[in-house]
PDB file of all heavy atoms in Angstrom:
ATOM      1  N   ASP A   1      99.455 114.017  97.824  1.00  0.00           N
ATOM      2  CA  ASP A   1      98.747 114.751  96.767  1.00  0.00           C
ATOM      3  C   ASP A   1      99.542 114.878  95.474  1.00  0.00           C
ATOM      4  O   ASP A   1      99.148 115.621  94.570  1.00  0.00           O
ATOM      5  CB  ASP A   1      98.336 116.156  97.241  1.00  0.00           C
ATOM      6  CG  ASP A   1      97.288 116.119  98.336  1.00  0.00           C
ATOM      7  OD1 ASP A   1      96.434 115.224  98.290  1.00  0.00           O
ATOM      8  OD2 ASP A   1      97.338 116.957  99.242  1.00  0.00           O
ATOM      9  N   ALA A   2     100.672 114.171  95.341  1.00  0.00           N
ATOM     10  CA  ALA A   2     101.474 114.296  94.123  1.00  0.00           C
ATOM     11  C   ALA A   2     100.684 113.872  92.890  1.00  0.00           C
ATOM     12  O   ALA A   2     100.881 114.419  91.799  1.00  0.00           O
ATOM     13  CB  ALA A   2     102.750 113.460  94.244  1.00  0.00           C
ATOM     14  N   ALA A   3      99.777 112.908  93.044  1.00  0.00           N
ATOM     15  CA  ALA A   3      99.000 112.430  91.897  1.00  0.00           C
ATOM     16  C   ALA A   3      98.055 113.492  91.362  1.00  0.00           C
ATOM     17  O   ALA A   3      97.610 113.412  90.205  1.00  0.00           O
ATOM     18  CB  ALA A   3      98.210 111.176  92.290  1.00  0.00           C
ATOM     19  N   CYS A   4      97.726 114.482  92.192  1.00  0.00           N
ATOM     20  CA  CYS A   4      96.753 115.497  91.782  1.00  0.00           C
ATOM     21  C   CYS A   4      97.379 116.854  91.463  1.00  0.00           C
ATOM     22  O   CYS A   4      96.719 117.718  90.898  1.00  0.00           O
ATOM     23  CB  CYS A   4      95.719 115.691  92.893  1.00  0.00           C
ATOM     24  SG  CYS A   4      94.611 114.282  93.101  1.00  0.00           S
ATOM     25  N   ASP A   5      98.623 117.041  91.843  1.00  0.00           N
ATOM     26  CA  ASP A   5      99.256 118.342  91.650  1.00  0.00           C
ATOM     27  C   ASP A   5      99.846 118.433  90.245  1.00  0.00           C
ATOM     28  O   ASP A   5     101.038 118.655  90.045  1.00  0.00           O
ATOM     29  CB  ASP A   5     100.349 118.556  92.711  1.00  0.00           C
ATOM     30  CG  ASP A   5     100.846 119.996  92.724  1.00  0.00           C
ATOM     31  OD1 ASP A   5     100.148 120.875  92.172  1.00  0.00           O
ATOM     32  OD2 ASP A   5     101.935 120.231  93.270  1.00  0.00           O
ATOM     33  N   GLN A   6      98.996 118.241  89.258  1.00  0.00           N
ATOM     34  CA  GLN A   6      99.401 118.277  87.856  1.00  0.00           C
ATOM     35  C   GLN A   6      98.632 119.390  87.150  1.00  0.00           C
ATOM     36  O   GLN A   6      97.433 119.588  87.377  1.00  0.00           O
ATOM     37  CB  GLN A   6      99.114 116.944  87.173  1.00  0.00           C
ATOM     38  CG  GLN A   6      99.684 115.733  87.900  1.00  0.00           C
ATOM     39  CD  GLN A   6     101.199 115.729  87.933  1.00  0.00           C
ATOM     40  OE1 GLN A   6     101.851 116.173  86.980  1.00  0.00           O
ATOM     41  NE2 GLN A   6     101.766 115.247  89.022  1.00  0.00           N
ATOM     42  N   ALA A   7      99.318 120.100  86.275  1.00  0.00           N
ATOM     43  CA  ALA A   7      98.699 121.238  85.595  1.00  0.00           C
ATOM     44  C   ALA A   7      97.440 120.833  84.839  1.00  0.00           C
ATOM     45  O   ALA A   7      96.412 121.515  84.897  1.00  0.00           O
ATOM     46  CB  ALA A   7      99.708 121.885  84.647  1.00  0.00           C
ATOM     47  N   SER A   8      97.523 119.709  84.114  1.00  0.00           N
ATOM     48  CA  SER A   8      96.379 119.300  83.293  1.00  0.00           C
ATOM     49  C   SER A   8      95.159 119.001  84.149  1.00  0.00           C
ATOM     50  O   SER A   8      94.013 119.234  83.720  1.00  0.00           O
ATOM     51  CB  SER A   8      96.753 118.068  82.466  1.00  0.00           C
ATOM     52  OG  SER A   8      97.171 117.006  83.318  1.00  0.00           O
ATOM     53  N   LEU A   9      95.365 118.489  85.359  1.00  0.00           N
ATOM     54  CA  LEU A   9      94.249 118.194  86.247  1.00  0.00           C
ATOM     55  C   LEU A   9      93.701 119.472  86.873  1.00  0.00           C
ATOM     56  O   LEU A   9      92.483 119.705  86.883  1.00  0.00           O
ATOM     57  CB  LEU A   9      94.690 117.225  87.344  1.00  0.00           C
ATOM     58  CG  LEU A   9      95.149 115.835  86.892  1.00  0.00           C
ATOM     59  CD1 LEU A   9      95.642 115.035  88.082  1.00  0.00           C
ATOM     60  CD2 LEU A   9      94.009 115.109  86.187  1.00  0.00           C
ATOM     61  N   LEU A  10      94.589 120.293  87.401  1.00  0.00           N
ATOM     62  CA  LEU A  10      94.143 121.488  88.109  1.00  0.00           C
ATOM     63  C   LEU A  10      93.454 122.476  87.164  1.00  0.00           C
ATOM     64  O   LEU A  10      92.564 123.222  87.588  1.00  0.00           O
ATOM     65  CB  LEU A  10      95.335 122.158  88.796  1.00  0.00           C
ATOM     66  CG  LEU A  10      95.926 121.352  89.971  1.00  0.00           C
ATOM     67  CD1 LEU A  10      97.224 121.972  90.454  1.00  0.00           C
ATOM     68  CD2 LEU A  10      94.924 121.264  91.115  1.00  0.00           C
ATOM     69  N   ARG A  11      93.843 122.477  85.909  1.00  0.00           N
ATOM     70  CA  ARG A  11      93.190 123.398  84.964  1.00  0.00           C
ATOM     71  C   ARG A  11      91.728 123.041  84.748  1.00  0.00           C
ATOM     72  O   ARG A  11      90.954 123.883  84.266  1.00  0.00           O
ATOM     73  CB  ARG A  11      93.947 123.396  83.632  1.00  0.00           C
ATOM     74  CG  ARG A  11      95.290 124.126  83.699  1.00  0.00           C
ATOM     75  CD  ARG A  11      95.899 124.324  82.337  1.00  0.00           C
ATOM     76  NE  ARG A  11      97.190 124.980  82.445  1.00  0.00           N
ATOM     77  CZ  ARG A  11      98.345 124.461  82.037  1.00  0.00           C
ATOM     78  NH1 ARG A  11      98.357 123.258  81.485  1.00  0.00           N
ATOM     79  NH2 ARG A  11      99.467 125.128  82.163  1.00  0.00           N
ATOM     80  N   SER A  12      91.339 121.803  85.083  1.00  0.00           N
ATOM     81  CA  SER A  12      89.922 121.452  84.942  1.00  0.00           C
ATOM     82  C   SER A  12      89.060 122.239  85.926  1.00  0.00           C
ATOM     83  O   SER A  12      87.839 122.345  85.740  1.00  0.00           O
ATOM     84  CB  SER A  12      89.724 119.950  85.153  1.00  0.00           C
ATOM     85  OG  SER A  12      89.998 119.586  86.498  1.00  0.00           O
ATOM     86  N   LEU A  13      89.692 122.824  86.961  1.00  0.00           N
ATOM     87  CA  LEU A  13      88.943 123.667  87.895  1.00  0.00           C
ATOM     88  C   LEU A  13      88.493 124.972  87.242  1.00  0.00           C
ATOM     89  O   LEU A  13      87.622 125.671  87.775  1.00  0.00           O
ATOM     90  CB  LEU A  13      89.818 123.992  89.116  1.00  0.00           C
ATOM     91  CG  LEU A  13      90.222 122.814  90.003  1.00  0.00           C
ATOM     92  CD1 LEU A  13      91.235 123.273  91.050  1.00  0.00           C
ATOM     93  CD2 LEU A  13      88.996 122.211  90.672  1.00  0.00           C
ATOM     94  N   SER A  14      89.079 125.301  86.102  1.00  0.00           N
ATOM     95  CA  SER A  14      88.702 126.536  85.415  1.00  0.00           C
ATOM     96  C   SER A  14      87.304 126.463  84.832  1.00  0.00           C
ATOM     97  O   SER A  14      86.776 127.478  84.342  1.00  0.00           O
ATOM     98  CB  SER A  14      89.724 126.847  84.306  1.00  0.00           C
ATOM     99  OG  SER A  14      91.003 127.037  84.862  1.00  0.00           O
ATOM    100  N   ASP A  15      86.714 125.283  84.865  1.00  0.00           N
ATOM    101  CA  ASP A  15      85.343 125.153  84.369  1.00  0.00           C
ATOM    102  C   ASP A  15      84.333 125.844  85.285  1.00  0.00           C
ATOM    103  O   ASP A  15      83.187 126.070  84.884  1.00  0.00           O
ATOM    104  CB  ASP A  15      84.964 123.670  84.237  1.00  0.00           C
ATOM    105  CG  ASP A  15      85.754 122.968  83.140  1.00  0.00           C
ATOM    106  OD1 ASP A  15      86.290 123.688  82.265  1.00  0.00           O
ATOM    107  OD2 ASP A  15      85.852 121.733  83.170  1.00  0.00           O
ATOM    108  N   ILE A  16      84.742 126.147  86.509  1.00  0.00           N
ATOM    109  CA  ILE A  16      83.851 126.878  87.417  1.00  0.00           C
ATOM    110  C   ILE A  16      84.368 128.311  87.552  1.00  0.00           C
ATOM    111  O   ILE A  16      85.567 128.567  87.425  1.00  0.00           O
ATOM    112  CB  ILE A  16      83.768 126.191  88.798  1.00  0.00           C
ATOM    113  CG1 ILE A  16      85.139 126.139  89.459  1.00  0.00           C
ATOM    114  CG2 ILE A  16      83.188 124.802  88.667  1.00  0.00           C
ATOM    115  CD1 ILE A  16      85.119 125.573  90.866  1.00  0.00           C
ATOM    116  N   PRO A  17      83.472 129.274  87.780  1.00  0.00           N
ATOM    117  CA  PRO A  17      83.907 130.676  87.914  1.00  0.00           C
ATOM    118  C   PRO A  17      84.897 130.835  89.065  1.00  0.00           C
ATOM    119  O   PRO A  17      84.885 130.074  90.035  1.00  0.00           O
ATOM    120  CB  PRO A  17      82.599 131.426  88.181  1.00  0.00           C
ATOM    121  CG  PRO A  17      81.527 130.529  87.676  1.00  0.00           C
ATOM    122  CD  PRO A  17      82.013 129.128  87.885  1.00  0.00           C
ATOM    123  N   ALA A  18      85.768 131.826  88.939  1.00  0.00           N
ATOM    124  CA  ALA A  18      86.782 132.071  89.955  1.00  0.00           C
ATOM    125  C   ALA A  18      86.138 132.248  91.323  1.00  0.00           C
ATOM    126  O   ALA A  18      85.187 133.030  91.489  1.00  0.00           O
ATOM    127  CB  ALA A  18      87.595 133.313  89.589  1.00  0.00           C
ATOM    128  N   THR A  19      86.654 131.518  92.294  1.00  0.00           N
ATOM    129  CA  THR A  19      86.064 131.521  93.629  1.00  0.00           C
ATOM    130  C   THR A  19      87.148 131.181  94.649  1.00  0.00           C
ATOM    131  O   THR A  19      88.338 131.087  94.318  1.00  0.00           O
ATOM    132  CB  THR A  19      84.900 130.513  93.697  1.00  0.00           C
ATOM    133  OG1 THR A  19      84.238 130.645  94.953  1.00  0.00           O
ATOM    134  CG2 THR A  19      85.391 129.100  93.507  1.00  0.00           C
ATOM    135  N   LEU A  20      86.753 130.943  95.903  1.00  0.00           N
ATOM    136  CA  LEU A  20      87.678 130.603  96.979  1.00  0.00           C
ATOM    137  C   LEU A  20      87.554 129.107  97.275  1.00  0.00           C
ATOM    138  O   LEU A  20      86.460 128.619  97.568  1.00  0.00           O
ATOM    139  CB  LEU A  20      87.378 131.422  98.232  1.00  0.00           C
ATOM    140  CG  LEU A  20      88.260 131.164  99.456  1.00  0.00           C
ATOM    141  CD1 LEU A  20      89.721 131.477  99.156  1.00  0.00           C
ATOM    142  CD2 LEU A  20      87.771 132.000 100.647  1.00  0.00           C
ATOM    143  N   ILE A  21      88.689 128.397  97.191  1.00  0.00           N
ATOM    144  CA  ILE A  21      88.707 126.950  97.370  1.00  0.00           C
ATOM    145  C   ILE A  21      89.532 126.600  98.604  1.00  0.00           C
ATOM    146  O   ILE A  21      90.646 127.084  98.785  1.00  0.00           O
ATOM    147  CB  ILE A  21      89.300 126.248  96.129  1.00  0.00           C
ATOM    148  CG1 ILE A  21      88.417 126.507  94.898  1.00  0.00           C
ATOM    149  CG2 ILE A  21      89.455 124.755  96.364  1.00  0.00           C
ATOM    150  CD1 ILE A  21      88.955 125.910  93.616  1.00  0.00           C
ATOM    151  N   ALA A  22      88.970 125.735  99.452  1.00  0.00           N
ATOM    152  CA  ALA A  22      89.709 125.179 100.578  1.00  0.00           C
ATOM    153  C   ALA A  22      90.368 123.889 100.121  1.00  0.00           C
ATOM    154  O   ALA A  22      89.704 123.013  99.554  1.00  0.00           O
ATOM    155  CB  ALA A  22      88.781 124.908 101.754  1.00  0.00           C
ATOM    156  N   SER A  23      91.657 123.760 100.366  1.00  0.00           N
ATOM    157  CA  SER A  23      92.389 122.580  99.911  1.00  0.00           C
ATOM    158  C   SER A  23      93.500 122.246 100.891  1.00  0.00           C
ATOM    159  O   SER A  23      93.934 123.104 101.667  1.00  0.00           O
ATOM    160  CB  SER A  23      92.983 122.824  98.520  1.00  0.00           C
ATOM    161  OG  SER A  23      94.063 123.749  98.610  1.00  0.00           O
ATOM    162  N   PRO A  24      94.006 121.008 100.859  1.00  0.00           N
ATOM    163  CA  PRO A  24      95.201 120.679 101.637  1.00  0.00           C
ATOM    164  C   PRO A  24      96.393 121.519 101.180  1.00  0.00           C
ATOM    165  O   PRO A  24      96.421 122.054 100.063  1.00  0.00           O
ATOM    166  CB  PRO A  24      95.417 119.191 101.348  1.00  0.00           C
ATOM    167  CG  PRO A  24      94.094 118.693 100.887  1.00  0.00           C
ATOM    168  CD  PRO A  24      93.453 119.840 100.163  1.00  0.00           C
ATOM    169  N   LEU A  25      97.390 121.587 102.025  1.00  0.00           N
ATOM    170  CA  LEU A  25      98.516 122.488 101.810  1.00  0.00           C
ATOM    171  C   LEU A  25      99.222 122.240 100.479  1.00  0.00           C
ATOM    172  O   LEU A  25      99.600 123.175  99.782  1.00  0.00           O
ATOM    173  CB  LEU A  25      99.511 122.316 102.963  1.00  0.00           C
ATOM    174  CG  LEU A  25     100.387 123.507 103.343  1.00  0.00           C
ATOM    175  CD1 LEU A  25      99.555 124.707 103.732  1.00  0.00           C
ATOM    176  CD2 LEU A  25     101.304 123.116 104.491  1.00  0.00           C
ATOM    177  N   ASN A  26      99.384 120.977 100.102  1.00  0.00           N
ATOM    178  CA  ASN A  26     100.182 120.663  98.921  1.00  0.00           C
ATOM    179  C   ASN A  26      99.516 121.041  97.608  1.00  0.00           C
ATOM    180  O   ASN A  26     100.185 121.094  96.572  1.00  0.00           O
ATOM    181  CB  ASN A  26     100.498 119.165  98.893  1.00  0.00           C
ATOM    182  CG  ASN A  26     101.426 118.765 100.007  1.00  0.00           C
ATOM    183  OD1 ASN A  26     101.960 119.617 100.705  1.00  0.00           O
ATOM    184  ND2 ASN A  26     101.613 117.475 100.195  1.00  0.00           N
ATOM    185  N   LEU A  27      98.215 121.276  97.607  1.00  0.00           N
ATOM    186  CA  LEU A  27      97.510 121.613  96.369  1.00  0.00           C
ATOM    187  C   LEU A  27      97.335 123.110  96.171  1.00  0.00           C
ATOM    188  O   LEU A  27      96.993 123.554  95.077  1.00  0.00           O
ATOM    189  CB  LEU A  27      96.128 120.944  96.352  1.00  0.00           C
ATOM    190  CG  LEU A  27      96.117 119.414  96.274  1.00  0.00           C
ATOM    191  CD1 LEU A  27      94.681 118.900  96.339  1.00  0.00           C
ATOM    192  CD2 LEU A  27      96.802 118.925  95.011  1.00  0.00           C
ATOM    193  N   SER A  28      97.584 123.892  97.202  1.00  0.00           N
ATOM    194  CA  SER A  28      97.196 125.301  97.153  1.00  0.00           C
ATOM    195  C   SER A  28      97.952 126.099  96.102  1.00  0.00           C
ATOM    196  O   SER A  28      97.351 126.848  95.320  1.00  0.00           O
ATOM    197  CB  SER A  28      97.390 125.939  98.533  1.00  0.00           C
ATOM    198  OG  SER A  28      98.738 125.849  98.950  1.00  0.00           O
ATOM    199  N   THR A  29      99.281 125.978  96.054  1.00  0.00           N
ATOM    200  CA  THR A  29     100.028 126.792  95.087  1.00  0.00           C
ATOM    201  C   THR A  29      99.763 126.337  93.660  1.00  0.00           C
ATOM    202  O   THR A  29      99.811 127.149  92.729  1.00  0.00           O
ATOM    203  CB  THR A  29     101.532 126.736  95.385  1.00  0.00           C
ATOM    204  OG1 THR A  29     101.943 125.370  95.528  1.00  0.00           O
ATOM    205  CG2 THR A  29     101.860 127.493  96.655  1.00  0.00           C
ATOM    206  N   GLY A  30      99.487 125.048  93.467  1.00  0.00           N
ATOM    207  CA  GLY A  30      99.119 124.591  92.130  1.00  0.00           C
ATOM    208  C   GLY A  30      97.829 125.229  91.651  1.00  0.00           C
ATOM    209  O   GLY A  30      97.690 125.585  90.477  1.00  0.00           O
ATOM    210  N   ILE A  31      96.860 125.367  92.561  1.00  0.00           N
ATOM    211  CA  ILE A  31      95.602 126.048  92.206  1.00  0.00           C
ATOM    212  C   ILE A  31      95.883 127.488  91.810  1.00  0.00           C
ATOM    213  O   ILE A  31      95.329 128.001  90.827  1.00  0.00           O
ATOM    214  CB  ILE A  31      94.615 125.991  93.389  1.00  0.00           C
ATOM    215  CG1 ILE A  31      94.219 124.539  93.692  1.00  0.00           C
ATOM    216  CG2 ILE A  31      93.374 126.827  93.113  1.00  0.00           C
ATOM    217  CD1 ILE A  31      93.417 124.371  94.962  1.00  0.00           C
ATOM    218  N   LEU A  32      96.750 128.159  92.554  1.00  0.00           N
ATOM    219  CA  LEU A  32      97.075 129.557  92.250  1.00  0.00           C
ATOM    220  C   LEU A  32      97.687 129.710  90.864  1.00  0.00           C
ATOM    221  O   LEU A  32      97.320 130.600  90.102  1.00  0.00           O
ATOM    222  CB  LEU A  32      98.046 130.114  93.299  1.00  0.00           C
ATOM    223  CG  LEU A  32      97.523 130.383  94.696  1.00  0.00           C
ATOM    224  CD1 LEU A  32      98.643 130.922  95.573  1.00  0.00           C
ATOM    225  CD2 LEU A  32      96.356 131.371  94.663  1.00  0.00           C
ATOM    226  N   ILE A  33      98.652 128.845  90.546  1.00  0.00           N
ATOM    227  CA  ILE A  33      99.435 129.050  89.335  1.00  0.00           C
ATOM    228  C   ILE A  33      98.695 128.586  88.076  1.00  0.00           C
ATOM    229  O   ILE A  33      98.923 129.109  86.982  1.00  0.00           O
ATOM    230  CB  ILE A  33     100.804 128.333  89.459  1.00  0.00           C
ATOM    231  CG1 ILE A  33     101.825 128.959  88.508  1.00  0.00           C
ATOM    232  CG2 ILE A  33     100.688 126.851  89.197  1.00  0.00           C
ATOM    233  CD1 ILE A  33     102.281 130.311  88.900  1.00  0.00           C
ATOM    234  N   HIS A  34      97.794 127.611  88.222  1.00  0.00           N
ATOM    235  CA  HIS A  34      97.156 127.039  87.037  1.00  0.00           C
ATOM    236  C   HIS A  34      95.708 127.483  86.855  1.00  0.00           C
ATOM    237  O   HIS A  34      95.093 127.112  85.847  1.00  0.00           O
ATOM    238  CB  HIS A  34      97.209 125.510  87.094  1.00  0.00           C
ATOM    239  CG  HIS A  34      98.608 124.954  87.057  1.00  0.00           C
ATOM    240  ND1 HIS A  34      99.478 125.205  86.022  1.00  0.00           N
ATOM    241  CD2 HIS A  34      99.284 124.180  87.958  1.00  0.00           C
ATOM    242  CE1 HIS A  34     100.633 124.597  86.261  1.00  0.00           C
ATOM    243  NE2 HIS A  34     100.544 123.973  87.424  1.00  0.00           N
ATOM    244  N   THR A  35      95.152 128.215  87.809  1.00  0.00           N
ATOM    245  CA  THR A  35      93.764 128.661  87.700  1.00  0.00           C
ATOM    246  C   THR A  35      93.658 130.109  88.170  1.00  0.00           C
ATOM    247  O   THR A  35      94.635 130.701  88.627  1.00  0.00           O
ATOM    248  CB  THR A  35      92.823 127.784  88.558  1.00  0.00           C
ATOM    249  OG1 THR A  35      92.946 128.151  89.933  1.00  0.00           O
ATOM    250  CG2 THR A  35      93.131 126.304  88.394  1.00  0.00           C
ATOM    251  N   ALA A  36      92.446 130.636  88.083  1.00  0.00           N
ATOM    252  CA  ALA A  36      92.191 131.993  88.577  1.00  0.00           C
ATOM    253  C   ALA A  36      91.584 131.978  89.980  1.00  0.00           C
ATOM    254  O   ALA A  36      91.225 133.034  90.507  1.00  0.00           O
ATOM    255  CB  ALA A  36      91.253 132.725  87.617  1.00  0.00           C
ATOM    256  N   HIS A  37      91.494 130.814  90.606  1.00  0.00           N
ATOM    257  CA  HIS A  37      90.869 130.699  91.917  1.00  0.00           C
ATOM    258  C   HIS A  37      91.778 131.204  93.031  1.00  0.00           C
ATOM    259  O   HIS A  37      93.003 131.299  92.871  1.00  0.00           O
ATOM    260  CB  HIS A  37      90.487 129.241  92.190  1.00  0.00           C
ATOM    261  CG  HIS A  37      89.515 128.683  91.204  1.00  0.00           C
ATOM    262  ND1 HIS A  37      88.259 129.214  91.011  1.00  0.00           N
ATOM    263  CD2 HIS A  37      89.621 127.626  90.342  1.00  0.00           C
ATOM    264  CE1 HIS A  37      87.625 128.519  90.090  1.00  0.00           C
ATOM    265  NE2 HIS A  37      88.426 127.555  89.655  1.00  0.00           N
TER     266      HIS A  37
END
């Protein structure tokens, strides 16, 4: 998941309202730090 654990990519998730996302282990902390999810 190194190709996806980038701030610029994960911030695109901010286009949806804050919610609960299921993800593989390597993406979870990136979602926390770069979004409100």
